[in-house]
Protein backbone atom coordinates (compact mmCIF):
# COMPACT_ATOMS: atom_id res chain seq x y z
CA MET A 1 22.37 27.46 -11.53
CA ALA A 2 20.49 24.17 -11.43
CA ASN A 3 22.13 20.80 -10.96
CA THR A 4 21.72 19.06 -14.32
CA THR A 5 24.17 16.20 -13.65
CA GLY A 6 21.57 13.95 -12.04
CA LYS A 7 23.80 13.48 -8.99
CA LYS A 8 22.52 14.37 -5.55
CA TYR A 9 24.60 16.78 -3.48
CA GLY A 10 23.90 17.37 0.22
CA GLY A 11 20.76 16.49 2.11
CA ARG A 12 19.88 13.14 3.65
CA GLN A 13 21.48 9.96 2.42
CA LYS A 14 19.19 7.45 0.72
CA GLY A 15 17.32 5.38 3.28
CA THR A 16 17.80 7.83 6.16
CA PRO A 17 14.46 8.35 7.93
CA ASN A 18 12.99 11.83 8.12
CA ARG A 19 13.40 12.89 11.78
CA LEU A 20 10.48 15.35 11.77
CA THR A 21 8.06 12.78 10.37
CA LYS A 22 9.17 10.22 12.96
CA GLU A 23 8.73 12.71 15.84
CA LEU A 24 5.31 13.81 14.56
CA ARG A 25 4.09 10.20 14.29
CA THR A 26 5.25 9.49 17.85
CA ILE A 27 3.38 12.53 19.19
CA LEU A 28 0.21 11.65 17.27
CA LYS A 29 0.34 8.04 18.50
CA ASP A 30 0.59 9.23 22.10
CA VAL A 31 -2.39 11.56 21.67
CA LEU A 32 -4.42 8.80 20.01
CA TYR A 33 -3.64 6.24 22.73
CA ASN A 34 -4.66 8.71 25.43
CA GLU A 35 -7.98 9.35 23.69
CA LEU A 36 -8.61 5.63 23.18
CA GLU A 37 -8.29 5.07 26.92
CA ARG A 38 -11.11 7.59 27.46
CA ILE A 39 -13.32 6.59 24.52
CA GLU A 40 -16.04 4.85 26.55
CA GLU A 41 -16.38 7.88 28.83
CA LEU A 42 -16.49 10.20 25.82
CA LEU A 43 -19.09 8.08 24.01
CA GLU A 44 -21.37 8.06 27.06
CA SER A 45 -21.31 11.86 27.15
CA LEU A 46 -22.68 12.10 23.58
CA LYS A 47 -26.31 12.14 22.52
CA PRO A 48 -27.50 8.80 21.06
CA LYS A 49 -27.52 10.14 17.49
CA GLU A 50 -23.99 11.57 17.81
CA ARG A 51 -22.76 8.36 19.43
CA LEU A 52 -24.17 6.25 16.58
CA GLU A 53 -22.64 8.54 13.94
CA LEU A 54 -19.23 8.30 15.60
CA VAL A 55 -19.41 4.51 15.93
CA ILE A 56 -20.34 4.23 12.23
CA LYS A 57 -17.36 6.42 11.28
CA LEU A 58 -14.99 4.32 13.41
CA MET A 59 -16.23 0.92 12.16
CA PRO A 60 -14.03 0.77 9.02
CA PHE A 61 -10.95 1.02 11.23
CA ALA A 62 -11.97 -2.00 13.33
CA LEU A 63 -13.88 -4.27 10.94
CA PRO A 64 -12.82 -5.35 7.45
CA LYS A 65 -14.92 -4.11 4.58
CA VAL A 66 -16.96 -6.83 2.87
CA ASP A 67 -17.07 -6.83 -0.91
CA LYS A 68 -20.28 -7.60 -2.74
CA ILE A 69 -20.34 -10.82 -4.69
CA GLY A 70 -22.68 -10.78 -7.62
CA HIS A 71 -23.60 -12.74 -10.70
CA THR A 72 -23.19 -11.24 -14.13
CA ASN A 73 -25.18 -12.25 -17.19
CA ASN A 74 -23.98 -15.28 -19.17
CA GLU A 75 -21.79 -16.42 -16.28
CA PRO A 76 -22.22 -20.13 -15.47
CA TYR A 77 -23.72 -21.10 -12.13
CA ASP A 78 -21.81 -23.57 -9.96
CA PHE A 79 -24.10 -25.15 -7.37
CA ASP A 80 -21.72 -28.03 -6.57
CA LEU A 81 -20.81 -26.74 -3.10
CA LEU A 82 -19.96 -30.13 -1.55
CA GLY A 83 -17.53 -31.32 -4.14
């Protein structure tokens, strides 16, 4: 029979962190930090094309993405840059 009262019975209390998720994140962080310590060595072992592809894939994590700024039709120009 389903609980139709809308009240929660059993399980974690509201606001209690999920232990499995916390443990998994800790393990993944450790693995990532170990790989980051070896990244230069690993990059040198790659062919130039593979190295460039990997660097391009990693760039969004290190550099902010720049949005394009464009002019739309019928939008006024403002060339008064100095005040």
